Structures are given as structure tokens and as C-alpha cells.
Full PDB file with SEQRES, HELIX, SHEET, SSBOND, CRYST1, ORIGX, SCALE, CONECT and MASTER records, all heavy atoms in Angstrom:
SEQRES   1 A   43  SER SER GLU ALA LYS ASN ILE PRO LYS LYS PHE HIS PRO          
SEQRES   2 A   43  PRO SER VAL VAL GLY THR MET GLY SER ALA ALA ALA SER          
SEQRES   3 A   43  ALA LYS LEU LEU SER LEU ASN LYS GLU GLN CYS THR HIS          
SEQRES   4 A   43  ALA LEU ALA ILE                                              
HELIX    1 AA1 GLU A    3  LYS A    5  5                                   3    
HELIX    2 AA2 PRO A   13  SER A   15  5                                   3    
HELIX    3 AA3 VAL A   17  LEU A   29  1                                  13    
HELIX    4 AA4 LYS A   34  ALA A   42  1                                   9    
CRYST1    1.000    1.000    1.000  90.00  90.00  90.00 P 1           1          
ORIGX1      1.000000  0.000000  0.000000        0.00000                         
ORIGX2      0.000000  1.000000  0.000000        0.00000                         
ORIGX3      0.000000  0.000000  1.000000        0.00000                         
SCALE1      1.000000  0.000000  0.000000        0.00000                         
SCALE2      0.000000  1.000000  0.000000        0.00000                         
SCALE3      0.000000  0.000000  1.000000        0.00000                         
ATOM      1  N   SER A   1     -12.790 -15.152  14.107  1.00  0.00           N  
ATOM      2  CA  SER A   1     -12.438 -16.529  13.778  1.00  0.00           C  
ATOM      3  C   SER A   1     -11.297 -16.973  14.653  1.00  0.00           C  
ATOM      4  O   SER A   1     -10.269 -16.267  14.833  1.00  0.00           O  
ATOM      5  CB  SER A   1     -11.919 -16.584  12.270  1.00  0.00           C  
ATOM      6  OG  SER A   1     -11.229 -17.782  12.032  1.00  0.00           O  
ATOM      7  N   SER A   2     -11.428 -18.158  15.242  1.00  0.00           N  
ATOM      8  CA  SER A   2     -10.357 -18.698  16.058  1.00  0.00           C  
ATOM      9  C   SER A   2      -9.171 -19.160  15.145  1.00  0.00           C  
ATOM     10  O   SER A   2      -8.036 -19.237  15.582  1.00  0.00           O  
ATOM     11  CB  SER A   2     -10.884 -19.894  16.896  1.00  0.00           C  
ATOM     12  OG  SER A   2     -11.374 -20.938  16.076  1.00  0.00           O  
ATOM     13  N   GLU A   3      -9.512 -19.526  13.867  1.00  0.00           N  
ATOM     14  CA  GLU A   3      -8.442 -19.905  12.918  1.00  0.00           C  
ATOM     15  C   GLU A   3      -7.424 -18.777  12.766  1.00  0.00           C  
ATOM     16  O   GLU A   3      -6.226 -19.010  12.607  1.00  0.00           O  
ATOM     17  CB  GLU A   3      -9.055 -20.166  11.534  1.00  0.00           C  
ATOM     18  CG  GLU A   3      -9.856 -21.492  11.458  1.00  0.00           C  
ATOM     19  CD  GLU A   3     -10.474 -21.632  10.079  1.00  0.00           C  
ATOM     20  OE1 GLU A   3     -10.188 -20.798   9.169  1.00  0.00           O  
ATOM     21  OE2 GLU A   3     -11.186 -22.580   9.882  1.00  0.00           O  
ATOM     22  N   ALA A   4      -7.922 -17.547  12.867  1.00  0.00           N  
ATOM     23  CA  ALA A   4      -7.093 -16.339  12.584  1.00  0.00           C  
ATOM     24  C   ALA A   4      -6.039 -16.159  13.652  1.00  0.00           C  
ATOM     25  O   ALA A   4      -5.042 -15.426  13.480  1.00  0.00           O  
ATOM     26  CB  ALA A   4      -7.933 -15.135  12.429  1.00  0.00           C  
ATOM     27  N   LYS A   5      -6.265 -16.777  14.832  1.00  0.00           N  
ATOM     28  CA  LYS A   5      -5.349 -16.532  15.965  1.00  0.00           C  
ATOM     29  C   LYS A   5      -3.984 -17.227  15.779  1.00  0.00           C  
ATOM     30  O   LYS A   5      -3.018 -16.916  16.454  1.00  0.00           O  
ATOM     31  CB  LYS A   5      -6.003 -16.996  17.228  1.00  0.00           C  
ATOM     32  CG  LYS A   5      -7.231 -16.134  17.587  1.00  0.00           C  
ATOM     33  CD  LYS A   5      -7.862 -16.594  18.928  1.00  0.00           C  
ATOM     34  CE  LYS A   5      -9.058 -15.740  19.204  1.00  0.00           C  
ATOM     35  NZ  LYS A   5      -9.777 -16.145  20.465  1.00  0.00           N  
ATOM     36  N   ASN A   6      -3.928 -18.208  14.902  1.00  0.00           N  
ATOM     37  CA  ASN A   6      -2.670 -18.941  14.679  1.00  0.00           C  
ATOM     38  C   ASN A   6      -2.003 -18.474  13.413  1.00  0.00           C  
ATOM     39  O   ASN A   6      -2.543 -17.772  12.574  1.00  0.00           O  
ATOM     40  CB  ASN A   6      -2.959 -20.447  14.540  1.00  0.00           C  
ATOM     41  CG  ASN A   6      -3.534 -20.994  15.848  1.00  0.00           C  
ATOM     42  OD1 ASN A   6      -3.168 -20.580  16.936  1.00  0.00           O  
ATOM     43  ND2 ASN A   6      -4.425 -21.934  15.750  1.00  0.00           N  
ATOM     44  N   ILE A   7      -0.717 -18.808  13.310  1.00  0.00           N  
ATOM     45  CA  ILE A   7       0.064 -18.405  12.116  1.00  0.00           C  
ATOM     46  C   ILE A   7      -0.677 -19.022  10.903  1.00  0.00           C  
ATOM     47  O   ILE A   7      -1.005 -20.175  10.893  1.00  0.00           O  
ATOM     48  CB  ILE A   7       1.541 -18.942  12.223  1.00  0.00           C  
ATOM     49  CG1 ILE A   7       2.224 -18.283  13.378  1.00  0.00           C  
ATOM     50  CG2 ILE A   7       2.245 -18.701  10.936  1.00  0.00           C  
ATOM     51  CD1 ILE A   7       3.624 -18.784  13.642  1.00  0.00           C  
ATOM     52  N   PRO A   8      -0.926 -18.199   9.882  1.00  0.00           N  
ATOM     53  CA  PRO A   8      -1.797 -18.650   8.769  1.00  0.00           C  
ATOM     54  C   PRO A   8      -1.232 -19.772   7.943  1.00  0.00           C  
ATOM     55  O   PRO A   8      -0.007 -19.995   7.848  1.00  0.00           O  
ATOM     56  CB  PRO A   8      -1.936 -17.396   7.922  1.00  0.00           C  
ATOM     57  CG  PRO A   8      -0.727 -16.600   8.231  1.00  0.00           C  
ATOM     58  CD  PRO A   8      -0.454 -16.858   9.706  1.00  0.00           C  
ATOM     59  N   LYS A   9      -2.173 -20.555   7.346  1.00  0.00           N  
ATOM     60  CA  LYS A   9      -1.813 -21.691   6.491  1.00  0.00           C  
ATOM     61  C   LYS A   9      -2.244 -21.497   5.059  1.00  0.00           C  
ATOM     62  O   LYS A   9      -1.563 -21.910   4.111  1.00  0.00           O  
ATOM     63  CB  LYS A   9      -2.375 -22.950   7.063  1.00  0.00           C  
ATOM     64  CG  LYS A   9      -1.863 -23.358   8.422  1.00  0.00           C  
ATOM     65  CD  LYS A   9      -2.543 -24.640   8.944  1.00  0.00           C  
ATOM     66  CE  LYS A   9      -2.050 -25.002  10.340  1.00  0.00           C  
ATOM     67  NZ  LYS A   9      -2.746 -26.227  10.837  1.00  0.00           N  
ATOM     68  N   LYS A  10      -3.417 -20.916   4.881  1.00  0.00           N  
ATOM     69  CA  LYS A  10      -4.005 -20.875   3.546  1.00  0.00           C  
ATOM     70  C   LYS A  10      -3.783 -19.544   2.778  1.00  0.00           C  
ATOM     71  O   LYS A  10      -3.343 -19.544   1.666  1.00  0.00           O  
ATOM     72  CB  LYS A  10      -5.523 -21.129   3.642  1.00  0.00           C  
ATOM     73  CG  LYS A  10      -5.873 -22.529   4.113  1.00  0.00           C  
ATOM     74  CD  LYS A  10      -7.374 -22.714   4.147  1.00  0.00           C  
ATOM     75  CE  LYS A  10      -7.728 -24.137   4.595  1.00  0.00           C  
ATOM     76  NZ  LYS A  10      -9.194 -24.372   4.674  1.00  0.00           N  
ATOM     77  N   PHE A  11      -4.109 -18.420   3.442  1.00  0.00           N  
ATOM     78  CA  PHE A  11      -3.961 -17.106   2.785  1.00  0.00           C  
ATOM     79  C   PHE A  11      -3.248 -16.163   3.728  1.00  0.00           C  
ATOM     80  O   PHE A  11      -3.279 -16.316   4.923  1.00  0.00           O  
ATOM     81  CB  PHE A  11      -5.329 -16.602   2.315  1.00  0.00           C  
ATOM     82  CG  PHE A  11      -6.253 -16.328   3.474  1.00  0.00           C  
ATOM     83  CD1 PHE A  11      -6.191 -15.116   4.221  1.00  0.00           C  
ATOM     84  CD2 PHE A  11      -7.217 -17.263   3.869  1.00  0.00           C  
ATOM     85  CE1 PHE A  11      -7.108 -14.873   5.210  1.00  0.00           C  
ATOM     86  CE2 PHE A  11      -8.139 -16.997   4.902  1.00  0.00           C  
ATOM     87  CZ  PHE A  11      -8.006 -15.860   5.590  1.00  0.00           C  
ATOM     88  N   HIS A  12      -2.665 -15.145   3.114  1.00  0.00           N  
ATOM     89  CA  HIS A  12      -1.945 -14.141   3.852  1.00  0.00           C  
ATOM     90  C   HIS A  12      -2.923 -13.137   4.387  1.00  0.00           C  
ATOM     91  O   HIS A  12      -3.606 -12.420   3.638  1.00  0.00           O  
ATOM     92  CB  HIS A  12      -0.922 -13.457   2.939  1.00  0.00           C  
ATOM     93  CG  HIS A  12       0.154 -12.691   3.664  1.00  0.00           C  
ATOM     94  ND1 HIS A  12       0.816 -11.654   3.106  1.00  0.00           N  
ATOM     95  CD2 HIS A  12       0.660 -12.777   4.945  1.00  0.00           C  
ATOM     96  CE1 HIS A  12       1.707 -11.177   3.956  1.00  0.00           C  
ATOM     97  NE2 HIS A  12       1.612 -11.833   5.059  1.00  0.00           N  
ATOM     98  N   PRO A  13      -3.128 -12.976   5.731  1.00  0.00           N  
ATOM     99  CA  PRO A  13      -4.166 -12.180   6.305  1.00  0.00           C  
ATOM    100  C   PRO A  13      -4.255 -10.711   5.822  1.00  0.00           C  
ATOM    101  O   PRO A  13      -5.367 -10.238   5.554  1.00  0.00           O  
ATOM    102  CB  PRO A  13      -3.917 -12.284   7.804  1.00  0.00           C  
ATOM    103  CG  PRO A  13      -3.220 -13.565   8.013  1.00  0.00           C  
ATOM    104  CD  PRO A  13      -2.383 -13.732   6.793  1.00  0.00           C  
ATOM    105  N   PRO A  14      -3.125 -10.008   5.642  1.00  0.00           N  
ATOM    106  CA  PRO A  14      -3.299  -8.586   5.250  1.00  0.00           C  
ATOM    107  C   PRO A  14      -3.865  -8.466   3.828  1.00  0.00           C  
ATOM    108  O   PRO A  14      -4.442  -7.365   3.554  1.00  0.00           O  
ATOM    109  CB  PRO A  14      -1.863  -8.020   5.309  1.00  0.00           C  
ATOM    110  CG  PRO A  14      -0.961  -9.207   5.294  1.00  0.00           C  
ATOM    111  CD  PRO A  14      -1.711 -10.297   5.993  1.00  0.00           C  
ATOM    112  N   SER A  15      -3.808  -9.485   3.037  1.00  0.00           N  
ATOM    113  CA  SER A  15      -4.409  -9.388   1.716  1.00  0.00           C  
ATOM    114  C   SER A  15      -5.935  -9.483   1.785  1.00  0.00           C  
ATOM    115  O   SER A  15      -6.605  -9.112   0.869  1.00  0.00           O  
ATOM    116  CB  SER A  15      -3.869 -10.566   0.807  1.00  0.00           C  
ATOM    117  OG  SER A  15      -4.444 -11.817   1.227  1.00  0.00           O  
ATOM    118  N   VAL A  16      -6.445  -9.918   2.964  1.00  0.00           N  
ATOM    119  CA  VAL A  16      -7.880 -10.057   3.145  1.00  0.00           C  
ATOM    120  C   VAL A  16      -8.393  -8.943   4.077  1.00  0.00           C  
ATOM    121  O   VAL A  16      -9.044  -7.999   3.630  1.00  0.00           O  
ATOM    122  CB  VAL A  16      -8.255 -11.418   3.734  1.00  0.00           C  
ATOM    123  CG1 VAL A  16      -9.746 -11.493   4.081  1.00  0.00           C  
ATOM    124  CG2 VAL A  16      -7.917 -12.490   2.723  1.00  0.00           C  
ATOM    125  N   VAL A  17      -7.980  -9.011   5.361  1.00  0.00           N  
ATOM    126  CA  VAL A  17      -8.501  -7.957   6.255  1.00  0.00           C  
ATOM    127  C   VAL A  17      -7.841  -6.597   5.953  1.00  0.00           C  
ATOM    128  O   VAL A  17      -8.445  -5.533   6.230  1.00  0.00           O  
ATOM    129  CB  VAL A  17      -8.240  -8.332   7.741  1.00  0.00           C  
ATOM    130  CG1 VAL A  17      -9.063  -9.567   8.122  1.00  0.00           C  
ATOM    131  CG2 VAL A  17      -6.750  -8.530   8.089  1.00  0.00           C  
ATOM    132  N   GLY A  18      -6.672  -6.604   5.439  1.00  0.00           N  
ATOM    133  CA  GLY A  18      -5.989  -5.345   5.068  1.00  0.00           C  
ATOM    134  C   GLY A  18      -6.749  -4.574   3.942  1.00  0.00           C  
ATOM    135  O   GLY A  18      -6.849  -3.389   4.024  1.00  0.00           O  
ATOM    136  N   THR A  19      -7.244  -5.307   3.003  1.00  0.00           N  
ATOM    137  CA  THR A  19      -8.010  -4.712   1.905  1.00  0.00           C  
ATOM    138  C   THR A  19      -9.305  -4.071   2.487  1.00  0.00           C  
ATOM    139  O   THR A  19      -9.682  -2.997   2.111  1.00  0.00           O  
ATOM    140  CB  THR A  19      -8.401  -5.739   0.863  1.00  0.00           C  
ATOM    141  OG1 THR A  19      -7.231  -6.446   0.462  1.00  0.00           O  
ATOM    142  CG2 THR A  19      -9.036  -5.096  -0.358  1.00  0.00           C  
ATOM    143  N   MET A  20      -9.908  -4.779   3.455  1.00  0.00           N  
ATOM    144  CA  MET A  20     -11.122  -4.235   4.129  1.00  0.00           C  
ATOM    145  C   MET A  20     -10.786  -2.988   4.936  1.00  0.00           C  
ATOM    146  O   MET A  20     -11.497  -2.048   4.957  1.00  0.00           O  
ATOM    147  CB  MET A  20     -11.739  -5.291   5.016  1.00  0.00           C  
ATOM    148  CG  MET A  20     -12.074  -6.611   4.328  1.00  0.00           C  
ATOM    149  SD  MET A  20     -13.269  -6.497   3.026  1.00  0.00           S  
ATOM    150  CE  MET A  20     -14.766  -6.374   3.998  1.00  0.00           C  
ATOM    151  N   GLY A  21      -9.657  -3.045   5.631  1.00  0.00           N  
ATOM    152  CA  GLY A  21      -9.176  -1.922   6.418  1.00  0.00           C  
ATOM    153  C   GLY A  21      -8.892  -0.693   5.540  1.00  0.00           C  
ATOM    154  O   GLY A  21      -9.244   0.444   5.898  1.00  0.00           O  
ATOM    155  N   SER A  22      -8.285  -0.885   4.447  1.00  0.00           N  
ATOM    156  CA  SER A  22      -7.967   0.198   3.531  1.00  0.00           C  
ATOM    157  C   SER A  22      -9.239   0.779   2.947  1.00  0.00           C  
ATOM    158  O   SER A  22      -9.404   2.006   2.866  1.00  0.00           O  
ATOM    159  CB  SER A  22      -7.093  -0.316   2.361  1.00  0.00           C  
ATOM    160  OG  SER A  22      -6.934   0.683   1.405  1.00  0.00           O  
ATOM    161  N   ALA A  23     -10.263  -0.031   2.646  1.00  0.00           N  
ATOM    162  CA  ALA A  23     -11.502   0.456   2.128  1.00  0.00           C  
ATOM    163  C   ALA A  23     -12.200   1.268   3.184  1.00  0.00           C  
ATOM    164  O   ALA A  23     -12.769   2.354   2.874  1.00  0.00           O  
ATOM    165  CB  ALA A  23     -12.425  -0.719   1.737  1.00  0.00           C  
ATOM    166  N   ALA A  24     -12.188   0.809   4.435  1.00  0.00           N  
ATOM    167  CA  ALA A  24     -12.856   1.538   5.539  1.00  0.00           C  
ATOM    168  C   ALA A  24     -12.149   2.902   5.777  1.00  0.00           C  
ATOM    169  O   ALA A  24     -12.834   3.887   5.953  1.00  0.00           O  
ATOM    170  CB  ALA A  24     -12.831   0.692   6.815  1.00  0.00           C  
ATOM    171  N   ALA A  25     -10.809   2.895   5.835  1.00  0.00           N  
ATOM    172  CA  ALA A  25     -10.083   4.131   6.077  1.00  0.00           C  
ATOM    173  C   ALA A  25     -10.347   5.088   4.963  1.00  0.00           C  
ATOM    174  O   ALA A  25     -10.508   6.327   5.187  1.00  0.00           O  
ATOM    175  CB  ALA A  25      -8.620   3.828   6.258  1.00  0.00           C  
ATOM    176  N   SER A  26     -10.307   4.609   3.696  1.00  0.00           N  
ATOM    177  CA  SER A  26     -10.525   5.491   2.548  1.00  0.00           C  
ATOM    178  C   SER A  26     -11.937   6.042   2.538  1.00  0.00           C  
ATOM    179  O   SER A  26     -12.205   7.206   2.207  1.00  0.00           O  
ATOM    180  CB  SER A  26     -10.218   4.724   1.259  1.00  0.00           C  
ATOM    181  OG  SER A  26      -8.929   4.227   1.256  1.00  0.00           O  
ATOM    182  N   ALA A  27     -12.898   5.179   2.888  1.00  0.00           N  
ATOM    183  CA  ALA A  27     -14.309   5.613   2.950  1.00  0.00           C  
ATOM    184  C   ALA A  27     -14.494   6.775   3.969  1.00  0.00           C  
ATOM    185  O   ALA A  27     -15.208   7.718   3.786  1.00  0.00           O  
ATOM    186  CB  ALA A  27     -15.219   4.458   3.294  1.00  0.00           C  
ATOM    187  N   LYS A  28     -13.788   6.606   5.103  1.00  0.00           N  
ATOM    188  CA  LYS A  28     -13.841   7.624   6.140  1.00  0.00           C  
ATOM    189  C   LYS A  28     -13.290   8.954   5.618  1.00  0.00           C  
ATOM    190  O   LYS A  28     -13.909  10.040   5.803  1.00  0.00           O  
ATOM    191  CB  LYS A  28     -13.051   7.183   7.405  1.00  0.00           C  
ATOM    192  CG  LYS A  28     -13.204   8.146   8.599  1.00  0.00           C  
ATOM    193  CD  LYS A  28     -14.610   8.267   9.022  1.00  0.00           C  
ATOM    194  CE  LYS A  28     -14.791   9.168  10.226  1.00  0.00           C  
ATOM    195  NZ  LYS A  28     -16.206   9.305  10.617  1.00  0.00           N  
ATOM    196  N   LEU A  29     -12.122   8.911   4.989  1.00  0.00           N  
ATOM    197  CA  LEU A  29     -11.496  10.134   4.498  1.00  0.00           C  
ATOM    198  C   LEU A  29     -12.263  10.767   3.405  1.00  0.00           C  
ATOM    199  O   LEU A  29     -12.226  11.992   3.201  1.00  0.00           O  
ATOM    200  CB  LEU A  29     -10.022   9.818   4.119  1.00  0.00           C  
ATOM    201  CG  LEU A  29      -8.959  10.892   4.337  1.00  0.00           C  
ATOM    202  CD1 LEU A  29      -9.013  11.358   5.776  1.00  0.00           C  
ATOM    203  CD2 LEU A  29      -7.605  10.367   3.977  1.00  0.00           C  
ATOM    204  N   LEU A  30     -12.977   9.972   2.590  1.00  0.00           N  
ATOM    205  CA  LEU A  30     -13.785  10.447   1.528  1.00  0.00           C  
ATOM    206  C   LEU A  30     -15.172  10.924   1.957  1.00  0.00           C  
ATOM    207  O   LEU A  30     -15.942  11.447   1.140  1.00  0.00           O  
ATOM    208  CB  LEU A  30     -13.990   9.347   0.443  1.00  0.00           C  
ATOM    209  CG  LEU A  30     -12.809   9.014  -0.435  1.00  0.00           C  
ATOM    210  CD1 LEU A  30     -13.030   7.679  -1.126  1.00  0.00           C  
ATOM    211  CD2 LEU A  30     -12.500  10.135  -1.409  1.00  0.00           C  
ATOM    212  N   SER A  31     -15.421  10.794   3.298  1.00  0.00           N  
ATOM    213  CA  SER A  31     -16.689  11.228   3.899  1.00  0.00           C  
ATOM    214  C   SER A  31     -17.902  10.523   3.241  1.00  0.00           C  
ATOM    215  O   SER A  31     -18.910  11.165   2.968  1.00  0.00           O  
ATOM    216  CB  SER A  31     -16.863  12.729   3.814  1.00  0.00           C  
ATOM    217  OG  SER A  31     -15.803  13.379   4.496  1.00  0.00           O  
ATOM    218  N   LEU A  32     -17.766   9.212   2.954  1.00  0.00           N  
ATOM    219  CA  LEU A  32     -18.895   8.485   2.372  1.00  0.00           C  
ATOM    220  C   LEU A  32     -20.004   8.325   3.382  1.00  0.00           C  
ATOM    221  O   LEU A  32     -19.785   8.283   4.563  1.00  0.00           O  
ATOM    222  CB  LEU A  32     -18.441   7.071   1.905  1.00  0.00           C  
ATOM    223  CG  LEU A  32     -17.278   6.999   0.864  1.00  0.00           C  
ATOM    224  CD1 LEU A  32     -17.166   5.578   0.347  1.00  0.00           C  
ATOM    225  CD2 LEU A  32     -17.509   7.991  -0.267  1.00  0.00           C  
ATOM    226  N   ASN A  33     -21.251   8.325   2.874  1.00  0.00           N  
ATOM    227  CA  ASN A  33     -22.349   8.051   3.724  1.00  0.00           C  
ATOM    228  C   ASN A  33     -22.412   6.588   4.123  1.00  0.00           C  
ATOM    229  O   ASN A  33     -21.675   5.737   3.627  1.00  0.00           O  
ATOM    230  CB  ASN A  33     -23.691   8.525   3.156  1.00  0.00           C  
ATOM    231  CG  ASN A  33     -24.038   7.765   1.838  1.00  0.00           C  
ATOM    232  OD1 ASN A  33     -23.815   6.577   1.728  1.00  0.00           O  
ATOM    233  ND2 ASN A  33     -24.623   8.461   0.850  1.00  0.00           N  
ATOM    234  N   LYS A  34     -23.361   6.282   5.030  1.00  0.00           N  
ATOM    235  CA  LYS A  34     -23.387   4.876   5.603  1.00  0.00           C  
ATOM    236  C   LYS A  34     -23.554   3.835   4.494  1.00  0.00           C  
ATOM    237  O   LYS A  34     -22.940   2.809   4.516  1.00  0.00           O  
ATOM    238  CB  LYS A  34     -24.445   4.781   6.660  1.00  0.00           C  
ATOM    239  CG  LYS A  34     -24.427   3.488   7.426  1.00  0.00           C  
ATOM    240  CD  LYS A  34     -25.320   3.448   8.627  1.00  0.00           C  
ATOM    241  CE  LYS A  34     -26.772   3.329   8.187  1.00  0.00           C  
ATOM    242  NZ  LYS A  34     -27.700   3.082   9.388  1.00  0.00           N  
ATOM    243  N   GLU A  35     -24.485   4.101   3.572  1.00  0.00           N  
ATOM    244  CA  GLU A  35     -24.759   3.123   2.520  1.00  0.00           C  
ATOM    245  C   GLU A  35     -23.518   2.902   1.670  1.00  0.00           C  
ATOM    246  O   GLU A  35     -23.171   1.812   1.305  1.00  0.00           O  
ATOM    247  CB  GLU A  35     -25.948   3.570   1.689  1.00  0.00           C  
ATOM    248  CG  GLU A  35     -26.333   2.538   0.639  1.00  0.00           C  
ATOM    249  CD  GLU A  35     -27.500   2.964  -0.246  1.00  0.00           C  
ATOM    250  OE1 GLU A  35     -27.849   4.223  -0.209  1.00  0.00           O  
ATOM    251  OE2 GLU A  35     -28.022   2.121  -0.961  1.00  0.00           O  
ATOM    252  N   GLN A  36     -22.858   4.021   1.381  1.00  0.00           N  
ATOM    253  CA  GLN A  36     -21.600   3.912   0.533  1.00  0.00           C  
ATOM    254  C   GLN A  36     -20.524   3.178   1.286  1.00  0.00           C  
ATOM    255  O   GLN A  36     -19.756   2.452   0.669  1.00  0.00           O  
ATOM    256  CB  GLN A  36     -21.155   5.316   0.142  1.00  0.00           C  
ATOM    257  CG  GLN A  36     -22.033   6.040  -0.857  1.00  0.00           C  
ATOM    258  CD  GLN A  36     -21.658   7.486  -1.046  1.00  0.00           C  
ATOM    259  OE1 GLN A  36     -21.291   8.149  -0.039  1.00  0.00           O  
ATOM    260  NE2 GLN A  36     -21.710   7.994  -2.257  1.00  0.00           N  
ATOM    261  N   CYS A  37     -20.464   3.360   2.596  1.00  0.00           N  
ATOM    262  CA  CYS A  37     -19.462   2.627   3.385  1.00  0.00           C  
ATOM    263  C   CYS A  37     -19.776   1.111   3.355  1.00  0.00           C  
ATOM    264  O   CYS A  37     -18.841   0.337   3.241  1.00  0.00           O  
ATOM    265  CB  CYS A  37     -19.515   3.092   4.858  1.00  0.00           C  
ATOM    266  SG  CYS A  37     -18.861   4.775   5.079  1.00  0.00           S  
ATOM    267  N   THR A  38     -21.013   0.761   3.381  1.00  0.00           N  
ATOM    268  CA  THR A  38     -21.402  -0.612   3.236  1.00  0.00           C  
ATOM    269  C   THR A  38     -20.924  -1.201   1.932  1.00  0.00           C  
ATOM    270  O   THR A  38     -20.317  -2.288   1.898  1.00  0.00           O  
ATOM    271  CB  THR A  38     -22.944  -0.788   3.285  1.00  0.00           C  
ATOM    272  OG1 THR A  38     -23.414  -0.354   4.531  1.00  0.00           O  
ATOM    273  CG2 THR A  38     -23.395  -2.229   3.030  1.00  0.00           C  
ATOM    274  N   HIS A  39     -21.153  -0.459   0.825  1.00  0.00           N  
ATOM    275  CA  HIS A  39     -20.711  -0.932  -0.457  1.00  0.00           C  
ATOM    276  C   HIS A  39     -19.208  -0.962  -0.630  1.00  0.00           C  
ATOM    277  O   HIS A  39     -18.652  -1.871  -1.278  1.00  0.00           O  
ATOM    278  CB  HIS A  39     -21.362  -0.086  -1.557  1.00  0.00           C  
ATOM    279  CG  HIS A  39     -22.873  -0.228  -1.608  1.00  0.00           C  
ATOM    280  ND1 HIS A  39     -23.506  -1.465  -1.664  1.00  0.00           N  
ATOM    281  CD2 HIS A  39     -23.871   0.701  -1.593  1.00  0.00           C  
ATOM    282  CE1 HIS A  39     -24.822  -1.326  -1.698  1.00  0.00           C  
ATOM    283  NE2 HIS A  39     -25.067   0.044  -1.668  1.00  0.00           N  
ATOM    284  N   ALA A  40     -18.526  -0.035  -0.007  1.00  0.00           N  
ATOM    285  CA  ALA A  40     -17.067  -0.018  -0.052  1.00  0.00           C  
ATOM    286  C   ALA A  40     -16.493  -1.303   0.523  1.00  0.00           C  
ATOM    287  O   ALA A  40     -15.622  -1.918  -0.036  1.00  0.00           O  
ATOM    288  CB  ALA A  40     -16.498   1.227   0.650  1.00  0.00           C  
ATOM    289  N   LEU A  41     -17.055  -1.718   1.677  1.00  0.00           N  
ATOM    290  CA  LEU A  41     -16.607  -2.978   2.329  1.00  0.00           C  
ATOM    291  C   LEU A  41     -16.928  -4.162   1.459  1.00  0.00           C  
ATOM    292  O   LEU A  41     -16.137  -5.063   1.293  1.00  0.00           O  
ATOM    293  CB  LEU A  41     -17.263  -3.088   3.693  1.00  0.00           C  
ATOM    294  CG  LEU A  41     -16.848  -2.080   4.769  1.00  0.00           C  
ATOM    295  CD1 LEU A  41     -17.713  -2.267   6.020  1.00  0.00           C  
ATOM    296  CD2 LEU A  41     -15.407  -2.293   5.141  1.00  0.00           C  
ATOM    297  N   ALA A  42     -18.127  -4.144   0.866  1.00  0.00           N  
ATOM    298  CA  ALA A  42     -18.587  -5.313   0.058  1.00  0.00           C  
ATOM    299  C   ALA A  42     -17.759  -5.388  -1.203  1.00  0.00           C  
ATOM    300  O   ALA A  42     -17.378  -6.536  -1.608  1.00  0.00           O  
ATOM    301  CB  ALA A  42     -20.043  -5.200  -0.271  1.00  0.00           C  
ATOM    302  N   ILE A  43     -17.414  -4.292  -1.855  1.00  0.00           N  
ATOM    303  CA  ILE A  43     -16.608  -4.286  -3.027  1.00  0.00           C  
ATOM    304  C   ILE A  43     -15.189  -4.779  -2.681  1.00  0.00           C  
ATOM    305  O   ILE A  43     -14.629  -5.594  -3.375  1.00  0.00           O  
ATOM    306  CB  ILE A  43     -16.520  -2.913  -3.673  1.00  0.00           C  
ATOM    307  CG1 ILE A  43     -17.914  -2.445  -4.131  1.00  0.00           C  
ATOM    308  CG2 ILE A  43     -15.540  -2.883  -4.827  1.00  0.00           C  
ATOM    309  CD1 ILE A  43     -18.011  -0.966  -4.447  1.00  0.00           C  
TER     310      ILE A  43                                                      
MASTER        0    0    0    4    0    0    0    6  309    1    0    4          
END                                                                             
């Protein structure tokens, strides 16, 4: 998103992409399979 390149106006970015990053890192450490990784991101 080009919107993301500027100082935010609507929402605090780490509350959005940070949650996704935490889910991805946790999925990796938990050794989830590919389908479970998909669901971790979606949840």
C-alpha cells in the first residue's frame, strides 16, 4: 500500500501488521504446516 509509506492517520500500523508478524513468527516456532500457517494469518 502506498498509504502505508506516510505517517499514519487512521490506525496504528503495528496493531495491524505487527499482529500478522507475531502470528507468522509464532507459527514458525510452533512448526505449523502450510495450511495451519494460512489459518494463523487469517485468524
